[in-house]
Amino acid sequence: LRSSPDGQTVACFVPAPGCPAHSCCNALWRINVASRSFESLVPIVELPTPGVCADDDAFPGLYSCTGADMWFVDSDTILVQSPRGSECVLYTVSLAAAADVPRVKR
């Protein structure tokens, strides 16, 4: 769990049900502290989906989230580190993005 700088939002990673301890895809959820509402920001990816990641064919999902993920000072954007193929990449996830707009940018 990571609290935003303004203290209004908590972000957490939730692994796929029944997944082993390592190498499973995670969903990224937002919890609004005031309303106690939950929202999925980045769902668990069963198969990579073309067009979800801004600069690549298919977004594979978020894996091995270590807790080193950081909030930007705007309390609207999270920097997430995740393996992708043979490299480790950084993604920015916007909490304010509309549902029909890709939230994940590499």
PDB file of N, CA and C in Angstrom:
ATOM      1  N   LEU A   1       0.839  -1.182   0.000  1.00  0.00           N
ATOM      2  CA  LEU A   1       0.000   0.000   0.000  1.00  0.00           C
ATOM      3  C   LEU A   1       0.880   1.239   0.000  1.00  0.00           C
ATOM      4  N   ARG A   2       0.498   2.195  -0.808  1.00  0.00           N
ATOM      5  CA  ARG A   2       1.218   3.459  -0.872  1.00  0.00           C
ATOM      6  C   ARG A   2       0.209   4.598  -0.810  1.00  0.00           C
ATOM      7  N   SER A   3       0.427   5.532   0.114  1.00  0.00           N
ATOM      8  CA  SER A   3      -0.448   6.689   0.251  1.00  0.00           C
ATOM      9  C   SER A   3       0.059   7.824  -0.627  1.00  0.00           C
ATOM     10  N   SER A   4      -0.881   8.549  -1.244  1.00  0.00           N
ATOM     11  CA  SER A   4      -0.510   9.688  -2.080  1.00  0.00           C
ATOM     12  C   SER A   4       0.021  10.825  -1.211  1.00  0.00           C
ATOM     13  N   PRO A   5       0.783  11.754  -1.792  1.00  0.00           N
ATOM     14  CA  PRO A   5       1.316  12.868  -1.005  1.00  0.00           C
ATOM     15  C   PRO A   5       0.244  13.698  -0.294  1.00  0.00           C
ATOM     16  N   ASP A   6      -0.946  13.824  -0.908  1.00  0.00           N
ATOM     17  CA  ASP A   6      -2.012  14.597  -0.255  1.00  0.00           C
ATOM     18  C   ASP A   6      -2.822  13.774   0.745  1.00  0.00           C
ATOM     19  N   GLY A   7      -2.527  12.472   0.850  1.00  0.00           N
ATOM     20  CA  GLY A   7      -3.192  11.611   1.816  1.00  0.00           C
ATOM     21  C   GLY A   7      -4.613  11.216   1.458  1.00  0.00           C
ATOM     22  N   GLN A   8      -5.074  11.565   0.260  1.00  0.00           N
ATOM     23  CA  GLN A   8      -6.450  11.291  -0.142  1.00  0.00           C
ATOM     24  C   GLN A   8      -6.648   9.944  -0.815  1.00  0.00           C
ATOM     25  N   THR A   9      -5.549   9.354  -1.290  1.00  0.00           N
ATOM     26  CA  THR A   9      -5.638   8.128  -2.077  1.00  0.00           C
ATOM     27  C   THR A   9      -4.580   7.128  -1.622  1.00  0.00           C
ATOM     28  N   VAL A  10      -4.962   5.863  -1.629  1.00  0.00           N
ATOM     29  CA  VAL A  10      -4.021   4.781  -1.373  1.00  0.00           C
ATOM     30  C   VAL A  10      -4.020   3.893  -2.613  1.00  0.00           C
ATOM     31  N   ALA A  11      -2.842   3.520  -3.088  1.00  0.00           N
ATOM     32  CA  ALA A  11      -2.724   2.605  -4.227  1.00  0.00           C
ATOM     33  C   ALA A  11      -2.212   1.273  -3.716  1.00  0.00           C
ATOM     34  N   CYS A  12      -2.751   0.190  -4.263  1.00  0.00           N
ATOM     35  CA  CYS A  12      -2.282  -1.134  -3.853  1.00  0.00           C
ATOM     36  C   CYS A  12      -2.285  -2.086  -5.042  1.00  0.00           C
ATOM     37  N   PHE A  13      -1.388  -3.058  -4.985  1.00  0.00           N
ATOM     38  CA  PHE A  13      -1.303  -4.084  -6.007  1.00  0.00           C
ATOM     39  C   PHE A  13      -1.986  -5.336  -5.481  1.00  0.00           C
ATOM     40  N   VAL A  14      -2.803  -5.946  -6.332  1.00  0.00           N
ATOM     41  CA  VAL A  14      -3.536  -7.157  -5.960  1.00  0.00           C
ATOM     42  C   VAL A  14      -3.185  -8.239  -6.970  1.00  0.00           C
ATOM     43  N   PRO A  15      -2.597  -9.363  -6.505  1.00  0.00           N
ATOM     44  CA  PRO A  15      -2.226 -10.431  -7.437  1.00  0.00           C
ATOM     45  C   PRO A  15      -3.439 -11.203  -7.937  1.00  0.00           C
ATOM     46  N   ALA A  16      -3.237 -11.913  -9.016  1.00  0.00           N
ATOM     47  CA  ALA A  16      -4.293 -12.769  -9.569  1.00  0.00           C
ATOM     48  C   ALA A  16      -4.654 -13.841  -8.543  1.00  0.00           C
ATOM     49  N   PRO A  17      -5.934 -14.207  -8.438  1.00  0.00           N
ATOM     50  CA  PRO A  17      -6.323 -15.249  -7.487  1.00  0.00           C
ATOM     51  C   PRO A  17      -5.593 -16.562  -7.776  1.00  0.00           C
ATOM     52  N   GLY A  18      -5.112 -17.198  -6.722  1.00  0.00           N
ATOM     53  CA  GLY A  18      -4.437 -18.484  -6.871  1.00  0.00           C
ATOM     54  C   GLY A  18      -3.043 -18.411  -7.438  1.00  0.00           C
ATOM     55  N   CYS A  19      -2.502 -17.229  -7.551  1.00  0.00           N
ATOM     56  CA  CYS A  19      -1.180 -17.088  -8.160  1.00  0.00           C
ATOM     57  C   CYS A  19      -0.103 -17.471  -7.149  1.00  0.00           C
ATOM     58  N   PRO A  20       1.000 -18.057  -7.633  1.00  0.00           N
ATOM     59  CA  PRO A  20       2.106 -18.381  -6.729  1.00  0.00           C
ATOM     60  C   PRO A  20       2.764 -17.096  -6.226  1.00  0.00           C
ATOM     61  N   ALA A  21       3.708 -17.232  -5.342  1.00  0.00           N
ATOM     62  CA  ALA A  21       4.332 -16.074  -4.700  1.00  0.00           C
ATOM     63  C   ALA A  21       5.123 -15.187  -5.654  1.00  0.00           C
ATOM     64  N   HIS A  22       5.636 -15.730  -6.747  1.00  0.00           N
ATOM     65  CA  HIS A  22       6.477 -14.948  -7.649  1.00  0.00           C
ATOM     66  C   HIS A  22       5.923 -14.977  -9.072  1.00  0.00           C
ATOM     67  N   SER A  23       6.255 -13.948  -9.815  1.00  0.00           N
ATOM     68  CA  SER A  23       5.980 -13.886 -11.253  1.00  0.00           C
ATOM     69  C   SER A  23       4.508 -13.967 -11.628  1.00  0.00           C
ATOM     70  N   CYS A  24       3.656 -13.321 -10.861  1.00  0.00           N
ATOM     71  CA  CYS A  24       2.255 -13.284 -11.278  1.00  0.00           C
ATOM     72  C   CYS A  24       1.872 -11.848 -11.618  1.00  0.00           C
ATOM     73  N   CYS A  25       0.880 -11.725 -12.463  1.00  0.00           N
ATOM     74  CA  CYS A  25       0.397 -10.421 -12.878  1.00  0.00           C
ATOM     75  C   CYS A  25      -0.385  -9.792 -11.722  1.00  0.00           C
ATOM     76  N   ASN A  26      -0.239  -8.484 -11.561  1.00  0.00           N
ATOM     77  CA  ASN A  26      -0.923  -7.745 -10.508  1.00  0.00           C
ATOM     78  C   ASN A  26      -1.872  -6.729 -11.099  1.00  0.00           C
ATOM     79  N   ALA A  27      -2.978  -6.497 -10.413  1.00  0.00           N
ATOM     80  CA  ALA A  27      -3.860  -5.382 -10.732  1.00  0.00           C
ATOM     81  C   ALA A  27      -3.452  -4.218  -9.840  1.00  0.00           C
ATOM     82  N   LEU A  28      -3.587  -3.006 -10.334  1.00  0.00           N
ATOM     83  CA  LEU A  28      -3.333  -1.815  -9.534  1.00  0.00           C
ATOM     84  C   LEU A  28      -4.676  -1.188  -9.200  1.00  0.00           C
ATOM     85  N   TRP A  29      -4.949  -1.028  -7.912  1.00  0.00           N
ATOM     86  CA  TRP A  29      -6.220  -0.473  -7.441  1.00  0.00           C
ATOM     87  C   TRP A  29      -5.983   0.839  -6.721  1.00  0.00           C
ATOM     88  N   ARG A  30      -6.979   1.715  -6.792  1.00  0.00           N
ATOM     89  CA  ARG A  30      -6.981   2.981  -6.065  1.00  0.00           C
ATOM     90  C   ARG A  30      -8.071   2.923  -5.011  1.00  0.00           C
ATOM     91  N   ILE A  31      -7.741   3.364  -3.799  1.00  0.00           N
ATOM     92  CA  ILE A  31      -8.717   3.470  -2.720  1.00  0.00           C
ATOM     93  C   ILE A  31      -8.835   4.948  -2.356  1.00  0.00           C
ATOM     94  N   ASN A  32     -10.052   5.497  -2.469  1.00  0.00           N
ATOM     95  CA  ASN A  32     -10.308   6.863  -2.062  1.00  0.00           C
ATOM     96  C   ASN A  32     -10.526   6.838  -0.554  1.00  0.00           C
ATOM     97  N   VAL A  33      -9.672   7.513   0.194  1.00  0.00           N
ATOM     98  CA  VAL A  33      -9.714   7.454   1.648  1.00  0.00           C
ATOM     99  C   VAL A  33     -11.009   8.052   2.196  1.00  0.00           C
ATOM    100  N   ALA A  34     -11.438   9.190   1.665  1.00  0.00           N
ATOM    101  CA  ALA A  34     -12.628   9.872   2.182  1.00  0.00           C
ATOM    102  C   ALA A  34     -13.906   9.070   1.950  1.00  0.00           C
ATOM    103  N   SER A  35     -14.085   8.566   0.728  1.00  0.00           N
ATOM    104  CA  SER A  35     -15.327   7.859   0.399  1.00  0.00           C
ATOM    105  C   SER A  35     -15.230   6.349   0.620  1.00  0.00           C
ATOM    106  N   ARG A  36     -14.007   5.862   0.861  1.00  0.00           N
ATOM    107  CA  ARG A  36     -13.738   4.431   1.016  1.00  0.00           C
ATOM    108  C   ARG A  36     -14.178   3.626  -0.212  1.00  0.00           C
ATOM    109  N   SER A  37     -14.058   4.257  -1.370  1.00  0.00           N
ATOM    110  CA  SER A  37     -14.410   3.573  -2.621  1.00  0.00           C
ATOM    111  C   SER A  37     -13.145   2.994  -3.254  1.00  0.00           C
ATOM    112  N   PHE A  38     -13.329   1.936  -4.041  1.00  0.00           N
ATOM    113  CA  PHE A  38     -12.243   1.232  -4.705  1.00  0.00           C
ATOM    114  C   PHE A  38     -12.422   1.358  -6.211  1.00  0.00           C
ATOM    115  N   GLU A  39     -11.307   1.484  -6.939  1.00  0.00           N
ATOM    116  CA  GLU A  39     -11.363   1.524  -8.404  1.00  0.00           C
ATOM    117  C   GLU A  39     -10.143   0.814  -8.972  1.00  0.00           C
ATOM    118  N   SER A  40     -10.379  -0.070  -9.936  1.00  0.00           N
ATOM    119  CA  SER A  40      -9.283  -0.740 -10.624  1.00  0.00           C
ATOM    120  C   SER A  40      -8.703   0.218 -11.652  1.00  0.00           C
ATOM    121  N   LEU A  41      -7.401   0.483 -11.559  1.00  0.00           N
ATOM    122  CA  LEU A  41      -6.726   1.364 -12.507  1.00  0.00           C
ATOM    123  C   LEU A  41      -6.075   0.582 -13.635  1.00  0.00           C
ATOM    124  N   VAL A  42      -5.394  -0.505 -13.270  1.00  0.00           N
ATOM    125  CA  VAL A  42      -4.746  -1.380 -14.247  1.00  0.00           C
ATOM    126  C   VAL A  42      -5.162  -2.802 -13.900  1.00  0.00           C
ATOM    127  N   PRO A  43      -5.985  -3.431 -14.733  1.00  0.00           N
ATOM    128  CA  PRO A  43      -6.466  -4.777 -14.422  1.00  0.00           C
ATOM    129  C   PRO A  43      -5.390  -5.842 -14.643  1.00  0.00           C
ATOM    130  N   ILE A  44      -5.657  -7.026 -14.140  1.00  0.00           N
ATOM    131  CA  ILE A  44      -4.796  -8.176 -14.404  1.00  0.00           C
ATOM    132  C   ILE A  44      -4.911  -8.503 -15.885  1.00  0.00           C
ATOM    133  N   VAL A  45      -3.785  -8.717 -16.527  1.00  0.00           N
ATOM    134  CA  VAL A  45      -3.760  -8.992 -17.963  1.00  0.00           C
ATOM    135  C   VAL A  45      -3.643 -10.502 -18.174  1.00  0.00           C
ATOM    136  N   GLU A  46      -4.659 -11.075 -18.801  1.00  0.00           N
ATOM    137  CA  GLU A  46      -4.619 -12.503 -19.139  1.00  0.00           C
ATOM    138  C   GLU A  46      -3.765 -12.729 -20.389  1.00  0.00           C
ATOM    139  N   LEU A  47      -3.991 -11.911 -21.401  1.00  0.00           N
ATOM    140  CA  LEU A  47      -3.206 -11.922 -22.640  1.00  0.00           C
ATOM    141  C   LEU A  47      -2.839 -10.485 -22.964  1.00  0.00           C
ATOM    142  N   PRO A  48      -1.620 -10.218 -23.411  1.00  0.00           N
ATOM    143  CA  PRO A  48      -1.244  -8.848 -23.759  1.00  0.00           C
ATOM    144  C   PRO A  48      -2.222  -8.236 -24.758  1.00  0.00           C
ATOM    145  N   THR A  49      -2.593  -6.982 -24.496  1.00  0.00           N
ATOM    146  CA  THR A  49      -3.590  -6.288 -25.296  1.00  0.00           C
ATOM    147  C   THR A  49      -2.940  -5.183 -26.119  1.00  0.00           C
ATOM    148  N   PRO A  50      -2.984  -5.288 -27.442  1.00  0.00           N
ATOM    149  CA  PRO A  50      -2.406  -4.225 -28.281  1.00  0.00           C
ATOM    150  C   PRO A  50      -3.106  -2.895 -28.042  1.00  0.00           C
ATOM    151  N   GLY A  51      -2.319  -1.819 -28.046  1.00  0.00           N
ATOM    152  CA  GLY A  51      -2.873  -0.483 -27.963  1.00  0.00           C
ATOM    153  C   GLY A  51      -3.097   0.057 -26.565  1.00  0.00           C
ATOM    154  N   VAL A  52      -2.876  -0.726 -25.522  1.00  0.00           N
ATOM    155  CA  VAL A  52      -3.091  -0.236 -24.163  1.00  0.00           C
ATOM    156  C   VAL A  52      -1.903   0.591 -23.703  1.00  0.00           C
ATOM    157  N   CYS A  53      -0.715   0.198 -24.082  1.00  0.00           N
ATOM    158  CA  CYS A  53       0.486   0.949 -23.736  1.00  0.00           C
ATOM    159  C   CYS A  53       0.777   1.908 -24.886  1.00  0.00           C
ATOM    160  N   ALA A  54       1.063   3.152 -24.560  1.00  0.00           N
ATOM    161  CA  ALA A  54       1.148   4.212 -25.561  1.00  0.00           C
ATOM    162  C   ALA A  54       2.159   3.964 -26.671  1.00  0.00           C
ATOM    163  N   ASP A  55       3.292   3.329 -26.369  1.00  0.00           N
ATOM    164  CA  ASP A  55       4.334   3.246 -27.389  1.00  0.00           C
ATOM    165  C   ASP A  55       4.687   1.818 -27.792  1.00  0.00           C
ATOM    166  N   ASP A  56       3.799   0.885 -27.569  1.00  0.00           N
ATOM    167  CA  ASP A  56       4.134  -0.489 -27.892  1.00  0.00           C
ATOM    168  C   ASP A  56       2.887  -1.232 -28.359  1.00  0.00           C
ATOM    169  N   ASP A  57       3.083  -2.381 -28.968  1.00  0.00           N
ATOM    170  CA  ASP A  57       1.971  -3.158 -29.496  1.00  0.00           C
ATOM    171  C   ASP A  57       1.055  -3.712 -28.414  1.00  0.00           C
ATOM    172  N   ALA A  58       1.637  -4.308 -27.379  1.00  0.00           N
ATOM    173  CA  ALA A  58       0.821  -5.016 -26.410  1.00  0.00           C
ATOM    174  C   ALA A  58       1.356  -4.833 -24.990  1.00  0.00           C
ATOM    175  N   PHE A  59       0.502  -4.397 -24.101  1.00  0.00           N
ATOM    176  CA  PHE A  59       0.864  -4.222 -22.700  1.00  0.00           C
ATOM    177  C   PHE A  59       0.734  -5.564 -21.987  1.00  0.00           C
ATOM    178  N   PRO A  60       1.823  -6.090 -21.383  1.00  0.00           N
ATOM    179  CA  PRO A  60       1.783  -7.423 -20.785  1.00  0.00           C
ATOM    180  C   PRO A  60       1.226  -7.464 -19.368  1.00  0.00           C
ATOM    181  N   GLY A  61       1.009  -6.317 -18.759  1.00  0.00           N
ATOM    182  CA  GLY A  61       0.541  -6.284 -17.376  1.00  0.00           C
ATOM    183  C   GLY A  61       1.661  -5.871 -16.445  1.00  0.00           C
ATOM    184  N   LEU A  62       1.324  -5.740 -15.157  1.00  0.00           N
ATOM    185  CA  LEU A  62       2.293  -5.360 -14.143  1.00  0.00           C
ATOM    186  C   LEU A  62       2.715  -6.595 -13.371  1.00  0.00           C
ATOM    187  N   TYR A  63       4.012  -6.802 -13.277  1.00  0.00           N
ATOM    188  CA  TYR A  63       4.572  -7.974 -12.607  1.00  0.00           C
ATOM    189  C   TYR A  63       5.575  -7.560 -11.541  1.00  0.00           C
ATOM    190  N   SER A  64       5.723  -8.407 -10.539  1.00  0.00           N
ATOM    191  CA  SER A  64       6.761  -8.256  -9.515  1.00  0.00           C
ATOM    192  C   SER A  64       6.835  -6.840  -8.960  1.00  0.00           C
ATOM    193  N   CYS A  65       5.717  -6.307  -8.578  1.00  0.00           N
ATOM    194  CA  CYS A  65       5.694  -4.971  -8.000  1.00  0.00           C
ATOM    195  C   CYS A  65       6.323  -5.037  -6.612  1.00  0.00           C
ATOM    196  N   THR A  66       7.421  -4.336  -6.435  1.00  0.00           N
ATOM    197  CA  THR A  66       8.242  -4.496  -5.243  1.00  0.00           C
ATOM    198  C   THR A  66       7.892  -3.543  -4.108  1.00  0.00           C
ATOM    199  N   GLY A  67       6.999  -2.611  -4.330  1.00  0.00           N
ATOM    200  CA  GLY A  67       6.704  -1.629  -3.299  1.00  0.00           C
ATOM    201  C   GLY A  67       7.569  -0.396  -3.412  1.00  0.00           C
ATOM    202  N   ALA A  68       8.479  -0.357  -4.382  1.00  0.00           N
ATOM    203  CA  ALA A  68       9.339   0.803  -4.581  1.00  0.00           C
ATOM    204  C   ALA A  68       8.673   1.823  -5.496  1.00  0.00           C
ATOM    205  N   ASP A  69       7.405   1.634  -5.773  1.00  0.00           N
ATOM    206  CA  ASP A  69       6.683   2.523  -6.673  1.00  0.00           C
ATOM    207  C   ASP A  69       6.452   3.872  -5.994  1.00  0.00           C
ATOM    208  N   MET A  70       6.481   4.935  -6.778  1.00  0.00           N
ATOM    209  CA  MET A  70       6.477   6.278  -6.225  1.00  0.00           C
ATOM    210  C   MET A  70       5.322   7.114  -6.760  1.00  0.00           C
ATOM    211  N   TRP A  71       4.762   7.943  -5.911  1.00  0.00           N
ATOM    212  CA  TRP A  71       3.761   8.925  -6.309  1.00  0.00           C
ATOM    213  C   TRP A  71       4.465  10.183  -6.791  1.00  0.00           C
ATOM    214  N   PHE A  72       3.902  10.827  -7.814  1.00  0.00           N
ATOM    215  CA  PHE A  72       4.360  12.152  -8.187  1.00  0.00           C
ATOM    216  C   PHE A  72       3.749  13.129  -7.176  1.00  0.00           C
ATOM    217  N   VAL A  73       4.311  14.315  -7.050  1.00  0.00           N
ATOM    218  CA  VAL A  73       3.808  15.280  -6.066  1.00  0.00           C
ATOM    219  C   VAL A  73       2.399  15.761  -6.376  1.00  0.00           C
ATOM    220  N   ASP A  74       1.928  15.553  -7.611  1.00  0.00           N
ATOM    221  CA  ASP A  74       0.576  15.979  -7.969  1.00  0.00           C
ATOM    222  C   ASP A  74      -0.507  15.069  -7.381  1.00  0.00           C
ATOM    223  N   SER A  75      -0.127  13.967  -6.750  1.00  0.00           N
ATOM    224  CA  SER A  75      -1.047  12.973  -6.169  1.00  0.00           C
ATOM    225  C   SER A  75      -1.990  12.388  -7.215  1.00  0.00           C
ATOM    226  N   ASP A  76      -1.609  12.493  -8.482  1.00  0.00           N
ATOM    227  CA  ASP A  76      -2.436  11.982  -9.576  1.00  0.00           C
ATOM    228  C   ASP A  76      -1.720  10.926 -10.401  1.00  0.00           C
ATOM    229  N   THR A  77      -0.418  10.790 -10.243  1.00  0.00           N
ATOM    230  CA  THR A  77       0.369   9.912 -11.093  1.00  0.00           C
ATOM    231  C   THR A  77       1.278   9.037 -10.247  1.00  0.00           C
ATOM    232  N   ILE A  78       1.336   7.747 -10.602  1.00  0.00           N
ATOM    233  CA  ILE A  78       2.208   6.808  -9.915  1.00  0.00           C
ATOM    234  C   ILE A  78       3.245   6.290 -10.908  1.00  0.00           C
ATOM    235  N   LEU A  79       4.477   6.200 -10.470  1.00  0.00           N
ATOM    236  CA  LEU A  79       5.557   5.616 -11.258  1.00  0.00           C
ATOM    237  C   LEU A  79       5.707   4.170 -10.808  1.00  0.00           C
ATOM    238  N   VAL A  80       5.537   3.230 -11.748  1.00  0.00           N
ATOM    239  CA  VAL A  80       5.541   1.802 -11.438  1.00  0.00           C
ATOM    240  C   VAL A  80       6.677   1.121 -12.206  1.00  0.00           C
ATOM    241  N   GLN A  81       7.437   0.289 -11.511  1.00  0.00           N
ATOM    242  CA  GLN A  81       8.505  -0.494 -12.133  1.00  0.00           C
ATOM    243  C   GLN A  81       8.005  -1.920 -12.318  1.00  0.00           C
ATOM    244  N   SER A  82       8.221  -2.484 -13.516  1.00  0.00           N
ATOM    245  CA  SER A  82       7.765  -3.844 -13.787  1.00  0.00           C
ATOM    246  C   SER A  82       8.642  -4.480 -14.865  1.00  0.00           C
ATOM    247  N   PRO A  83       8.928  -5.782 -14.745  1.00  0.00           N
ATOM    248  CA  PRO A  83       9.664  -6.453 -15.812  1.00  0.00           C
ATOM    249  C   PRO A  83       8.838  -6.503 -17.091  1.00  0.00           C
ATOM    250  N   ARG A  84       9.513  -6.394 -18.201  1.00  0.00           N
ATOM    251  CA  ARG A  84       8.870  -6.516 -19.515  1.00  0.00           C
ATOM    252  C   ARG A  84       9.865  -7.192 -20.422  1.00  0.00           C
ATOM    253  N   GLY A  85       9.594  -8.457 -20.737  1.00  0.00           N
ATOM    254  CA  GLY A  85      10.558  -9.226 -21.516  1.00  0.00           C
ATOM    255  C   GLY A  85      11.833  -9.399 -20.712  1.00  0.00           C
ATOM    256  N   SER A  86      12.955  -9.008 -21.272  1.00  0.00           N
ATOM    257  CA  SER A  86      14.236  -9.176 -20.593  1.00  0.00           C
ATOM    258  C   SER A  86      14.713  -7.894 -19.920  1.00  0.00           C
ATOM    259  N   GLU A  87      13.870  -6.877 -19.863  1.00  0.00           N
ATOM    260  CA  GLU A  87      14.293  -5.630 -19.244  1.00  0.00           C
ATOM    261  C   GLU A  87      13.299  -5.171 -18.175  1.00  0.00           C
ATOM    262  N   CYS A  88      13.743  -4.268 -17.346  1.00  0.00           N
ATOM    263  CA  CYS A  88      12.875  -3.674 -16.337  1.00  0.00           C
ATOM    264  C   CYS A  88      12.485  -2.293 -16.850  1.00  0.00           C
ATOM    265  N   VAL A  89      11.203  -1.997 -16.891  1.00  0.00           N
ATOM    266  CA  VAL A  89      10.737  -0.726 -17.439  1.00  0.00           C
ATOM    267  C   VAL A  89       9.948   0.046 -16.388  1.00  0.00           C
ATOM    268  N   LEU A  90       9.808   1.345 -16.629  1.00  0.00           N
ATOM    269  CA  LEU A  90       9.008   2.212 -15.776  1.00  0.00           C
ATOM    270  C   LEU A  90       7.756   2.630 -16.531  1.00  0.00           C
ATOM    271  N   TYR A  91       6.645   2.622 -15.825  1.00  0.00           N
ATOM    272  CA  TYR A  91       5.376   3.076 -16.382  1.00  0.00           C
ATOM    273  C   TYR A  91       4.850   4.200 -15.521  1.00  0.00           C
ATOM    274  N   THR A  92       4.149   5.145 -16.128  1.00  0.00           N
ATOM    275  CA  THR A  92       3.397   6.118 -15.353  1.00  0.00           C
ATOM    276  C   THR A  92       1.931   5.751 -15.474  1.00  0.00           C
ATOM    277  N   VAL A  93       1.241   5.778 -14.355  1.00  0.00           N
ATOM    278  CA  VAL A  93      -0.180   5.456 -14.318  1.00  0.00           C
ATOM    279  C   VAL A  93      -0.902   6.687 -13.797  1.00  0.00           C
ATOM    280  N   SER A  94      -1.805   7.227 -14.612  1.00  0.00           N
ATOM    281  CA  SER A  94      -2.577   8.404 -14.233  1.00  0.00           C
ATOM    282  C   SER A  94      -3.879   7.980 -13.571  1.00  0.00           C
ATOM    283  N   LEU A  95      -4.182   8.547 -12.423  1.00  0.00           N
ATOM    284  CA  LEU A  95      -5.428   8.249 -11.735  1.00  0.00           C
ATOM    285  C   LEU A  95      -6.588   9.021 -12.328  1.00  0.00           C
ATOM    286  N   ALA A  96      -6.308  10.124 -12.996  1.00  0.00           N
ATOM    287  CA  ALA A  96      -7.366  10.990 -13.510  1.00  0.00           C
ATOM    288  C   ALA A  96      -7.775  10.653 -14.944  1.00  0.00           C
ATOM    289  N   ALA A  97      -7.068   9.763 -15.602  1.00  0.00           N
ATOM    290  CA  ALA A  97      -7.383   9.438 -16.997  1.00  0.00           C
ATOM    291  C   ALA A  97      -8.781   8.874 -17.122  1.00  0.00           C
ATOM    292  N   ALA A  98      -9.489   9.281 -18.142  1.00  0.00           N
ATOM    293  CA  ALA A  98     -10.835   8.751 -18.386  1.00  0.00           C
ATOM    294  C   ALA A  98     -10.745   7.262 -18.690  1.00  0.00           C
ATOM    295  N   ALA A  99     -11.830   6.541 -18.428  1.00  0.00           N
ATOM    296  CA  ALA A  99     -11.841   5.090 -18.590  1.00  0.00           C
ATOM    297  C   ALA A  99     -11.512   4.658 -20.013  1.00  0.00           C
ATOM    298  N   ASP A 100     -11.843   5.472 -21.004  1.00  0.00           N
ATOM    299  CA  ASP A 100     -11.597   5.077 -22.385  1.00  0.00           C
ATOM    300  C   ASP A 100     -10.216   5.514 -22.888  1.00  0.00           C
ATOM    301  N   VAL A 101      -9.418   6.143 -22.046  1.00  0.00           N
ATOM    302  CA  VAL A 101      -8.084   6.593 -22.423  1.00  0.00           C
ATOM    303  C   VAL A 101      -7.068   5.674 -21.754  1.00  0.00           C
ATOM    304  N   PRO A 102      -6.074   5.189 -22.494  1.00  0.00           N
ATOM    305  CA  PRO A 102      -5.067   4.334 -21.858  1.00  0.00           C
ATOM    306  C   PRO A 102      -4.433   5.041 -20.664  1.00  0.00           C
ATOM    307  N   ARG A 103      -4.338   4.348 -19.551  1.00  0.00           N
ATOM    308  CA  ARG A 103      -3.786   4.923 -18.330  1.00  0.00           C
ATOM    309  C   ARG A 103      -2.293   4.647 -18.204  1.00  0.00           C
ATOM    310  N   VAL A 104      -1.795   3.686 -18.947  1.00  0.00           N
ATOM    311  CA  VAL A 104      -0.417   3.249 -18.763  1.00  0.00           C
ATOM    312  C   VAL A 104       0.451   3.805 -19.879  1.00  0.00           C
ATOM    313  N   LYS A 105       1.541   4.497 -19.501  1.00  0.00           N
ATOM    314  CA  LYS A 105       2.486   5.005 -20.482  1.00  0.00           C
ATOM    315  C   LYS A 105       3.864   4.554 -20.087  1.00  0.00           C
ATOM    316  N   ARG A 106       4.578   4.098 -21.088  1.00  0.00           N
ATOM    317  CA  ARG A 106       5.942   3.604 -20.849  1.00  0.00           C
ATOM    318  C   ARG A 106       6.912   4.719 -21.022  1.00  0.00           C
TER     319      ARG A 106
END
